[in-house]
Amino acid sequence: MTLAGCFLCGNIFAQANLGHAYVSNVTSTSNCVYSDTNDGGVQFWDIQAGGTYTVTLSGVDDRANGGDDPTMEVFSKTARADSSGGNTYVLANQTPLGNTGVYTFRITLTTQCFTMPIVYGMHDAVGNPSILPSDEHTGLFARDFPYDAPPAPTDNNQGHLRTVNFDSNCVVTCVIGKPGCDQTCQGLPTPTPTPIASITVCKFYDQNTNGIQDGVEPSLTGWPFCINPLDNGTPALQTQLTANGGCATWSNLTVPGDYVVTEANANESNWFHSTADTSLIVFPASGGSETRTFGNYCTSPSNGLTLGFWSNKNGCKILTGSTTGATLYPAVVTLLNSCQLVNANGTIHTFTNSYSLFKTWLLGANATNMAYMLSAQLATLKLDVNFAVPPVDGNAFDLCSHMTVNALIGAACDSMTGPGNQYTLSGNPSRPGQEMLKNCIDKINNNGAVVPVTPCSYTFPNPPAPCP
């Protein structure tokens, strides 16, 4: 029988020491495995040279105490003398424990190749379990299909691991040892890894609402993002929350591919998006890492108080120390005179310590001379920032003027300096700009919304589900 030396056909004929067990499954976490049949229906488990594999034997009823022992000795036998690496001896475990007749074992091959039959259940001369190479002849060869009991067994073939070449999709391209394929097991190609990439999404608090994360703007943690499709992304979570640093990353994404990343909307209605899109399509490059940044801001009441407040008894008490006080605190006088404010006729107004004169000037303001009306609103805002409890935050961002409150105060002061800017009647070219500033300040003085320096609180549906 010359077939006995053929590495591809050594399991095509009946073996005297075939056992009842058969190779029911072969898996690997990092190498290709393919269940194949050829040469008249013989089963082969095609593997890569040098890989690590988990092999399952089922139907063990003729060794290991009828398949009830928790462990059993096995080895993968090198089928040809010119296939280096030698036999691999391991201990198989009943899987799961108590599952009669089913065992798994793990083998890591080195230079073994061609075909490797599986031998199981060795024992020594007195019947004790053994794992000595000298006792390999006492084991039984595993089959490639379940055992059919006599009188008419239909399966008499060994179960083999067979080394082949795979392409990048784990498709068999060449059987080792067959004509036209490698005969020496040297230089065996490994599959080209599937191109992968990663996508990172980041969330920041946009204090100035410009859609760009400026250096001082903080990140937002715990903000949900999703990716669609998830593909083979790691972690295997369609929705992630931004971590410290305000970012979340999906890696191991297949390339080419288009992925949609979407940010969630907060439950609170005072949160807004400052970047144009809440969903973006990303086309990552092979091996690349794409990052997309999303900005949000919130609004809250300014705490502003009107000019009517500063002219009533409550305002009087803050500015003078008494609800009937007549003398302004020196710090109040200094604050009011720190900016050039004007009267109805366009003359510069100089504040004294008289509360009654201050009150008369404040309540007498009208828009005939826009500079006068702007002066009254500006004086009110300066008091709101410096003396109100709680105060208006000068660093908060005003959406009306698109500048901070402190910058708005500075701009209003500047608009009333220079020739012609203290008496801005209808038709004066400076009047529209002063009116815009006056209107923005008036909103803040009426407790209008501003963007606070510190992010407002935010919550999301549980579980968050931003994906479309």
Protein backbone atom coordinates (compact mmCIF):
# COMPACT_ATOMS: atom_id res chain seq x y z
CA MET A 1 0.00 0.00 0.00
CA THR A 2 2.08 2.92 -1.21
CA LEU A 3 -0.66 5.27 -0.12
CA ALA A 4 0.53 4.89 3.44
CA GLY A 5 3.29 7.43 2.82
CA CYS A 6 1.10 10.02 1.13
CA PHE A 7 0.54 12.94 3.45
CA LEU A 8 -2.66 13.96 1.67
CA CYS A 9 -4.13 10.52 1.41
CA GLY A 10 -2.96 8.89 4.63
CA ASN A 11 -6.47 9.15 6.08
CA ILE A 12 -8.38 7.97 3.02
CA PHE A 13 -8.13 4.29 3.92
CA ALA A 14 -9.28 2.46 7.01
CA GLN A 15 -7.11 2.52 10.13
CA ALA A 16 -7.03 -0.42 12.53
CA ASN A 17 -6.77 1.83 15.57
CA LEU A 18 -9.43 4.41 14.73
CA GLY A 19 -11.36 5.45 17.81
CA HIS A 20 -14.95 6.54 18.14
CA ALA A 21 -14.12 10.23 18.78
CA TYR A 22 -14.08 12.70 15.91
CA VAL A 23 -12.76 16.21 15.33
CA SER A 24 -15.97 18.23 15.61
CA ASN A 25 -14.56 21.77 15.59
CA VAL A 26 -11.37 23.80 15.22
CA THR A 27 -11.20 27.52 16.05
CA SER A 28 -8.57 30.25 16.37
CA THR A 29 -8.66 33.81 17.65
CA SER A 30 -5.93 35.06 15.32
CA ASN A 31 -5.47 32.54 12.51
CA CYS A 32 -7.58 31.33 9.62
CA VAL A 33 -9.51 28.04 9.88
CA TYR A 34 -11.61 26.46 7.16
CA SER A 35 -13.70 23.28 7.22
CA ASP A 36 -13.11 21.56 3.88
CA THR A 37 -13.76 18.25 2.11
CA ASN A 38 -12.03 16.74 -0.89
CA ASP A 39 -10.68 13.44 -2.23
CA GLY A 40 -13.98 11.59 -2.05
CA GLY A 41 -15.62 13.52 0.82
CA VAL A 42 -12.82 13.26 3.39
CA GLN A 43 -13.07 16.02 6.00
CA PHE A 44 -10.11 18.35 6.50
CA TRP A 45 -9.69 21.20 8.95
CA ASP A 46 -7.52 23.65 6.98
CA ILE A 47 -5.24 25.80 9.14
CA GLN A 48 -2.24 28.16 8.87
CA ALA A 49 1.25 27.00 9.67
CA GLY A 50 2.50 28.21 13.03
CA GLY A 51 -0.92 29.19 14.37
CA THR A 52 -2.68 28.57 17.67
CA TYR A 53 -5.87 26.50 17.60
CA THR A 54 -8.55 25.14 19.91
CA VAL A 55 -9.63 21.65 18.85
CA THR A 56 -12.82 19.92 19.98
CA LEU A 57 -13.17 16.12 20.12
CA SER A 58 -16.69 14.75 20.41
CA GLY A 59 -18.05 11.25 20.84
CA VAL A 60 -15.34 10.00 23.21
CA ASP A 61 -16.79 6.81 24.68
CA ASP A 62 -13.87 4.43 24.26
CA ARG A 63 -11.22 6.18 26.40
CA ALA A 64 -11.04 8.45 29.46
CA ASN A 65 -13.38 6.21 31.44
CA GLY A 66 -16.01 6.30 28.74
CA GLY A 67 -15.63 10.04 28.31
CA ASP A 68 -16.38 10.80 31.97
CA ASP A 69 -12.85 11.73 33.10
CA PRO A 70 -12.29 15.47 33.51
CA THR A 71 -9.08 15.30 31.42
CA MET A 72 -7.62 13.15 28.69
CA GLU A 73 -4.22 12.94 26.98
CA VAL A 74 -3.98 13.85 23.29
CA PHE A 75 -1.35 14.79 20.76
CA SER A 76 -1.28 16.03 17.18
CA LYS A 77 0.99 13.69 15.29
CA THR A 78 3.40 14.86 12.63
CA ALA A 79 2.40 12.79 9.62
CA ARG A 80 5.64 13.08 7.64
CA ALA A 81 9.25 12.77 8.66
CA ASP A 82 10.16 15.86 6.60
CA SER A 83 7.65 18.00 8.47
CA SER A 84 9.66 19.46 11.35
CA GLY A 85 8.38 20.56 14.72
CA GLY A 86 7.49 17.12 16.10
CA ASN A 87 4.40 15.83 17.82
CA THR A 88 2.50 18.16 20.14
CA TYR A 89 1.43 16.59 23.45
CA VAL A 90 -1.29 18.32 25.48
CA LEU A 91 -3.98 17.58 28.05
CA ALA A 92 -7.58 17.92 26.85
CA ASN A 93 -10.29 19.11 29.24
CA GLN A 94 -13.88 17.87 29.38
CA THR A 95 -15.88 20.84 28.08
CA PRO A 96 -17.88 21.86 29.90
CA LEU A 97 -16.97 19.81 32.95
CA GLY A 98 -19.52 17.03 33.22
CA ASN A 99 -20.30 16.98 29.49
CA THR A 100 -19.55 13.32 28.80
CA GLY A 101 -17.49 12.59 25.72
CA VAL A 102 -16.60 16.16 24.68
CA TYR A 103 -13.04 17.47 25.18
CA THR A 104 -11.16 20.54 23.99
CA PHE A 105 -7.46 21.23 23.84
CA ARG A 106 -5.27 24.04 22.60
CA ILE A 107 -2.17 23.59 20.49
CA THR A 108 0.35 26.10 19.23
CA LEU A 109 2.27 24.88 16.20
CA THR A 110 5.78 25.93 15.35
CA THR A 111 7.18 24.55 12.10
CA GLN A 112 4.80 21.59 11.76
CA CYS A 113 2.96 21.51 8.45
CA PHE A 114 1.35 19.23 5.84
CA THR A 115 -1.20 17.13 7.78
CA MET A 116 -1.49 16.30 11.46
CA PRO A 117 -3.81 13.49 12.68
CA ILE A 118 -5.08 13.63 16.27
CA VAL A 119 -4.38 10.76 18.71
CA TYR A 120 -6.21 10.58 22.03
CA GLY A 121 -6.50 8.52 25.21
CA MET A 122 -2.96 7.09 25.60
CA HIS A 123 -2.14 4.85 28.55
CA ASP A 124 0.86 2.86 29.77
CA ALA A 125 1.32 -0.91 30.08
CA VAL A 126 -0.72 -1.20 33.29
CA GLY A 127 -3.56 0.97 32.06
CA ASN A 128 -2.67 4.16 33.88
CA PRO A 129 -3.03 7.47 32.06
CA SER A 130 0.20 8.55 30.46
CA ILE A 131 1.44 11.34 28.30
CA LEU A 132 4.82 9.88 27.43
CA PRO A 133 5.81 9.92 23.75
CA SER A 134 6.77 6.25 24.04
CA ASP A 135 3.13 5.41 24.76
CA GLU A 136 1.66 7.16 21.72
CA HIS A 137 0.94 3.77 20.09
CA THR A 138 -1.59 3.05 22.81
CA GLY A 139 -3.80 5.98 21.75
CA LEU A 140 -6.61 5.99 19.20
CA PHE A 141 -6.82 8.08 16.06
CA ALA A 142 -9.70 10.55 16.00
CA ARG A 143 -12.05 10.34 13.01
CA ASP A 144 -13.21 13.09 10.71
CA PHE A 145 -16.94 12.31 11.07
CA PRO A 146 -19.09 10.80 13.87
CA TYR A 147 -18.62 7.08 14.37
CA ASP A 148 -21.20 4.71 12.87
CA ALA A 149 -21.39 1.52 14.87
CA PRO A 150 -21.01 -1.91 13.16
CA PRO A 151 -22.12 -3.85 11.26
CA ALA A 152 -21.98 -1.09 8.63
CA PRO A 153 -19.63 1.75 9.64
CA THR A 154 -19.52 4.44 6.97
CA ASP A 155 -16.63 6.48 8.25
CA ASN A 156 -13.14 5.00 8.48
CA ASN A 157 -11.02 8.13 7.93
CA GLN A 158 -8.70 9.93 10.30
CA GLY A 159 -9.45 13.49 11.31
CA HIS A 160 -6.61 15.74 10.17
CA LEU A 161 -5.44 19.30 10.61
CA ARG A 162 -4.10 20.30 7.18
CA THR A 163 -1.81 23.24 6.51
CA VAL A 164 -2.85 25.51 3.64
CA ASN A 165 -2.29 29.06 2.41
CA PHE A 166 -5.06 31.63 2.79
CA ASP A 167 -5.71 35.00 1.18
CA SER A 168 -6.69 38.13 3.15
CA ASN A 169 -10.29 36.91 3.36
CA CYS A 170 -9.28 33.52 4.80
CA VAL A 171 -10.05 31.76 1.53
CA VAL A 172 -7.83 28.76 0.78
CA THR A 173 -5.48 29.56 -2.11
CA CYS A 174 -3.03 26.68 -1.98
CA VAL A 175 -2.73 23.31 -0.23
CA ILE A 176 0.75 22.81 1.20
CA GLY A 177 2.54 19.99 -0.59
CA LYS A 178 0.25 19.83 -3.62
CA PRO A 179 1.75 20.52 -7.06
CA GLY A 180 2.34 24.23 -7.60
CA CYS A 181 2.33 25.02 -3.90
CA ASP A 182 5.06 25.23 -1.30
CA GLN A 183 6.64 21.84 -0.59
CA THR A 184 8.90 22.83 2.27
CA CYS A 185 6.64 24.86 4.56
CA GLN A 186 9.12 27.73 4.27
CA GLY A 187 8.07 31.28 3.52
CA LEU A 188 4.39 30.58 4.02
CA PRO A 189 2.42 33.78 3.51
CA THR A 190 0.13 35.00 6.23
CA PRO A 191 -3.13 36.66 5.29
CA THR A 192 -2.95 40.36 4.57
CA PRO A 193 -4.62 41.99 7.57
CA THR A 194 -7.93 43.64 6.84
CA PRO A 195 -7.30 47.41 6.75
CA ILE A 196 -8.64 49.06 9.88
CA ALA A 197 -8.86 52.57 11.28
CA SER A 198 -10.24 54.43 14.29
CA ILE A 199 -12.64 57.32 14.80
CA THR A 200 -12.56 59.64 17.81
CA VAL A 201 -15.33 62.06 18.75
CA CYS A 202 -14.77 64.90 21.20
CA LYS A 203 -17.17 67.23 22.99
CA PHE A 204 -16.31 70.70 24.34
CA TYR A 205 -18.11 73.56 26.05
CA ASP A 206 -18.14 76.44 23.59
CA GLN A 207 -18.05 79.48 25.89
CA ASN A 208 -18.01 81.97 23.00
CA THR A 209 -20.29 79.92 20.68
CA ASN A 210 -17.91 80.19 17.72
CA GLY A 211 -17.82 76.46 16.95
CA ILE A 212 -14.08 76.21 17.68
CA GLN A 213 -12.50 74.86 20.85
CA ASP A 214 -10.35 77.74 21.99
CA GLY A 215 -7.59 77.05 24.45
CA VAL A 216 -9.48 77.83 27.65
CA GLU A 217 -12.73 76.05 26.76
CA PRO A 218 -13.27 72.87 28.81
CA SER A 219 -14.20 69.42 27.58
CA LEU A 220 -17.54 67.82 28.42
CA THR A 221 -17.57 64.32 29.89
CA GLY A 222 -20.44 61.87 29.97
CA TRP A 223 -21.92 63.11 26.67
CA PRO A 224 -23.35 60.27 24.52
CA PHE A 225 -22.19 59.64 20.96
CA CYS A 226 -23.06 56.78 18.65
CA ILE A 227 -21.55 55.26 15.54
CA ASN A 228 -23.44 53.64 12.70
CA PRO A 229 -22.60 51.01 11.62
CA LEU A 230 -20.73 49.59 14.58
CA ASP A 231 -18.93 47.18 12.22
CA ASN A 232 -16.26 45.34 14.26
CA GLY A 233 -15.59 48.44 16.32
CA THR A 234 -13.85 48.25 19.67
CA PRO A 235 -15.37 48.64 22.18
CA ALA A 236 -18.39 46.75 20.89
CA LEU A 237 -20.75 49.55 21.97
CA GLN A 238 -22.87 51.45 19.47
CA THR A 239 -23.19 54.31 21.98
CA GLN A 240 -20.34 55.61 24.13
CA LEU A 241 -20.06 58.39 26.68
CA THR A 242 -17.20 60.85 26.43
CA ALA A 243 -14.57 60.16 29.07
CA ASN A 244 -12.04 62.41 30.76
CA GLY A 245 -10.76 64.72 28.06
CA GLY A 246 -14.20 64.80 26.47
CA CYS A 247 -13.54 62.10 23.87
CA ALA A 248 -14.63 58.59 22.93
CA THR A 249 -12.92 56.32 20.36
CA TRP A 250 -13.95 53.36 18.23
CA SER A 251 -11.01 51.37 16.88
CA ASN A 252 -10.75 48.27 14.67
CA LEU A 253 -13.12 49.77 12.08
CA THR A 254 -12.98 48.16 8.65
CA VAL A 255 -11.63 50.27 5.80
CA PRO A 256 -12.91 51.28 3.32
CA GLY A 257 -16.18 52.22 4.94
CA ASP A 258 -18.33 55.20 5.73
CA TYR A 259 -19.41 55.72 9.32
CA VAL A 260 -21.90 58.19 10.76
CA VAL A 261 -21.08 59.60 14.19
CA THR A 262 -23.91 61.39 15.99
CA GLU A 263 -24.06 63.38 19.21
CA ALA A 264 -27.01 63.20 21.60
CA ASN A 265 -29.27 66.08 22.59
CA ALA A 266 -29.44 66.95 26.27
CA ASN A 267 -32.80 66.73 28.03
CA GLU A 268 -32.43 70.36 29.14
CA SER A 269 -33.78 72.93 26.64
CA ASN A 270 -31.08 75.50 27.50
CA TRP A 271 -28.38 73.46 25.73
CA PHE A 272 -27.53 74.26 22.10
CA HIS A 273 -25.16 73.03 19.39
CA SER A 274 -22.50 75.46 18.21
CA THR A 275 -21.01 73.30 15.46
CA ALA A 276 -23.01 73.09 12.27
CA ASP A 277 -23.70 69.35 12.21
CA THR A 278 -24.83 67.00 14.96
CA SER A 279 -24.15 64.01 12.65
CA LEU A 280 -21.09 63.61 10.46
CA ILE A 281 -20.10 61.02 7.87
CA VAL A 282 -16.49 59.92 8.33
CA PHE A 283 -14.40 58.07 5.72
CA PRO A 284 -11.31 56.93 7.64
CA ALA A 285 -8.14 56.03 5.76
CA SER A 286 -6.45 52.68 6.24
CA GLY A 287 -4.42 52.72 9.43
CA GLY A 288 -5.57 56.26 10.14
CA SER A 289 -7.27 57.92 13.06
CA GLU A 290 -9.99 60.47 12.33
CA THR A 291 -11.16 62.94 14.98
CA ARG A 292 -14.37 64.97 14.88
CA THR A 293 -15.08 67.72 17.41
CA PHE A 294 -18.52 68.91 18.50
CA GLY A 295 -19.26 72.10 20.45
CA ASN A 296 -22.18 72.89 22.74
CA TYR A 297 -23.10 75.79 24.96
CA CYS A 298 -25.84 76.52 27.48
CA THR A 299 -27.62 79.67 28.57
CA SER A 300 -28.74 80.89 31.99
CA PRO A 301 -30.32 84.10 33.37
CA SER A 302 -27.83 86.92 33.69
CA ASN A 303 -28.94 88.04 37.22
CA GLY A 304 -29.21 91.56 35.76
CA LEU A 305 -31.21 94.27 37.58
CA THR A 306 -32.98 97.15 35.86
CA LEU A 307 -32.37 100.87 36.25
CA GLY A 308 -35.69 100.91 38.14
CA PHE A 309 -34.14 98.64 40.78
CA TRP A 310 -31.14 100.91 41.33
CA SER A 311 -33.49 103.88 41.76
CA ASN A 312 -35.75 102.21 44.36
CA LYS A 313 -35.18 101.62 48.07
CA ASN A 314 -33.57 98.20 47.50
CA GLY A 315 -31.00 99.64 45.14
CA CYS A 316 -30.54 102.63 47.43
CA LYS A 317 -29.64 100.37 50.33
CA ILE A 318 -26.96 98.60 48.28
CA LEU A 319 -25.46 101.88 47.02
CA THR A 320 -25.71 103.90 50.22
CA GLY A 321 -26.15 101.42 53.06
CA SER A 322 -29.73 102.49 53.85
CA THR A 323 -33.11 102.40 52.11
CA THR A 324 -33.30 106.17 52.72
CA GLY A 325 -29.61 106.92 52.29
CA ALA A 326 -28.49 110.06 50.52
CA THR A 327 -24.78 109.47 50.05
CA LEU A 328 -23.32 107.02 47.52
CA TYR A 329 -20.43 104.87 48.64
CA PRO A 330 -17.11 106.21 47.29
CA ALA A 331 -16.58 102.97 45.35
CA VAL A 332 -19.89 103.54 43.57
CA VAL A 333 -18.90 107.07 42.57
CA THR A 334 -15.52 105.86 41.33
CA LEU A 335 -17.17 103.11 39.29
CA LEU A 336 -19.70 105.43 37.64
CA ASN A 337 -17.01 107.96 36.72
CA SER A 338 -14.68 105.28 35.31
CA CYS A 339 -16.37 105.62 31.94
CA GLN A 340 -17.43 108.76 30.05
CA LEU A 341 -21.24 108.97 30.47
CA VAL A 342 -23.33 111.85 29.12
CA ASN A 343 -26.40 113.97 29.82
CA ALA A 344 -29.41 114.64 27.60
CA ASN A 345 -27.68 117.60 25.94
CA GLY A 346 -24.50 115.63 25.23
CA THR A 347 -22.37 117.11 27.99
CA ILE A 348 -20.20 114.79 30.08
CA HIS A 349 -21.89 113.88 33.35
CA THR A 350 -19.74 113.84 36.47
CA PHE A 351 -21.16 111.85 39.36
CA THR A 352 -20.98 113.16 42.93
CA ASN A 353 -21.85 111.30 46.10
CA SER A 354 -25.48 112.47 45.89
CA TYR A 355 -27.84 109.53 45.48
CA SER A 356 -30.77 111.78 44.58
CA LEU A 357 -28.84 113.40 41.71
CA PHE A 358 -27.81 109.96 40.48
CA LYS A 359 -31.44 108.78 40.63
CA THR A 360 -32.70 111.83 38.75
CA TRP A 361 -30.10 111.37 36.02
CA LEU A 362 -30.85 107.65 35.74
CA LEU A 363 -34.64 107.92 35.50
CA GLY A 364 -34.53 110.93 33.18
CA ALA A 365 -32.79 109.04 30.37
CA ASN A 366 -34.53 108.81 27.00
CA ALA A 367 -33.55 107.87 23.48
CA THR A 368 -33.77 111.33 21.91
CA ASN A 369 -30.05 111.44 22.49
CA MET A 370 -29.11 107.78 22.11
CA ALA A 371 -25.83 108.39 23.92
CA TYR A 372 -27.80 109.45 27.03
CA MET A 373 -29.99 106.31 26.95
CA LEU A 374 -26.92 104.16 26.40
CA SER A 375 -25.21 105.89 29.35
CA ALA A 376 -28.08 105.06 31.70
CA GLN A 377 -28.20 101.42 30.66
CA LEU A 378 -24.41 101.16 30.83
CA ALA A 379 -24.30 102.64 34.35
CA THR A 380 -26.94 100.09 35.37
CA LEU A 381 -24.94 97.19 33.94
CA LYS A 382 -21.77 98.32 35.70
CA LEU A 383 -23.68 98.32 38.98
CA ASP A 384 -25.10 94.86 38.14
CA VAL A 385 -21.59 93.46 37.65
CA ASN A 386 -20.00 95.10 40.68
CA PHE A 387 -22.71 95.50 43.33
CA ALA A 388 -25.66 93.20 42.60
CA VAL A 389 -26.15 90.09 44.73
CA PRO A 390 -25.72 87.74 42.94
CA PRO A 391 -23.78 89.77 40.39
CA VAL A 392 -23.81 89.60 36.62
CA ASP A 393 -20.66 87.69 35.61
CA GLY A 394 -18.50 90.01 33.54
CA ASN A 395 -16.88 86.97 31.90
CA ALA A 396 -20.21 85.51 30.74
CA PHE A 397 -20.82 85.64 27.00
CA ASP A 398 -23.56 87.85 25.58
CA LEU A 399 -25.25 86.32 22.54
CA CYS A 400 -26.75 89.68 21.49
CA SER A 401 -23.46 91.55 21.06
CA HIS A 402 -21.40 88.38 20.61
CA MET A 403 -18.86 89.40 23.21
CA THR A 404 -18.33 88.97 26.92
CA VAL A 405 -20.21 91.27 29.32
CA ASN A 406 -16.95 93.01 30.25
CA ALA A 407 -16.11 93.49 26.58
CA LEU A 408 -19.61 94.88 25.97
CA ILE A 409 -19.09 97.42 28.77
CA GLY A 410 -15.79 98.45 27.19
CA ALA A 411 -17.34 98.74 23.73
CA ALA A 412 -20.19 100.90 25.05
CA CYS A 413 -17.74 103.20 26.82
CA ASP A 414 -15.63 103.53 23.68
CA SER A 415 -18.69 104.32 21.53
CA MET A 416 -19.25 107.56 23.45
CA THR A 417 -15.73 108.97 23.10
CA GLY A 418 -14.55 111.13 20.24
CA PRO A 419 -16.20 114.09 18.48
CA GLY A 420 -19.92 113.83 17.84
CA ASN A 421 -20.48 110.66 19.84
CA GLN A 422 -21.97 112.28 22.95
CA TYR A 423 -24.99 113.78 21.17
CA THR A 424 -26.38 111.18 18.79
CA LEU A 425 -29.73 112.39 17.54
CA SER A 426 -31.59 110.81 14.63
CA GLY A 427 -29.37 110.81 11.54
CA ASN A 428 -26.10 110.74 13.47
CA PRO A 429 -23.96 107.94 11.93
CA SER A 430 -22.94 106.76 15.41
CA ARG A 431 -26.52 106.33 16.58
CA PRO A 432 -27.25 102.83 15.08
CA GLY A 433 -24.18 101.33 16.72
CA GLN A 434 -24.99 102.91 20.08
CA GLU A 435 -28.59 101.70 19.81
CA MET A 436 -27.42 98.14 19.19
CA LEU A 437 -25.19 98.28 22.27
CA LYS A 438 -28.01 99.82 24.32
CA ASN A 439 -30.45 97.09 23.31
CA CYS A 440 -28.01 94.30 24.21
CA ILE A 441 -27.23 95.88 27.59
CA ASP A 442 -30.94 96.40 28.26
CA LYS A 443 -31.55 92.65 27.76
CA ILE A 444 -28.87 91.75 30.29
CA ASN A 445 -30.25 94.32 32.76
CA ASN A 446 -33.62 92.59 32.44
CA ASN A 447 -32.15 89.22 33.48
CA GLY A 448 -31.74 88.08 29.88
CA ALA A 449 -29.91 84.88 29.00
CA VAL A 450 -26.12 84.75 28.75
CA VAL A 451 -23.65 81.90 28.25
CA PRO A 452 -22.10 81.20 31.67
CA VAL A 453 -18.41 80.48 32.02
CA THR A 454 -19.15 77.19 33.80
CA PRO A 455 -21.24 74.59 31.92
CA CYS A 456 -24.81 74.11 33.10
CA SER A 457 -25.93 70.69 34.28
CA TYR A 458 -27.08 68.22 31.64
CA THR A 459 -28.83 64.86 31.55
CA PHE A 460 -29.84 62.37 28.85
CA PRO A 461 -32.45 59.67 28.34
CA ASN A 462 -31.47 56.37 29.93
CA PRO A 463 -30.33 54.58 27.91
CA PRO A 464 -29.22 57.37 25.57
CA ALA A 465 -30.12 56.62 21.96
CA PRO A 466 -28.74 59.31 19.63
CA CYS A 467 -28.46 57.05 16.58
CA PRO A 468 -31.08 57.49 13.87
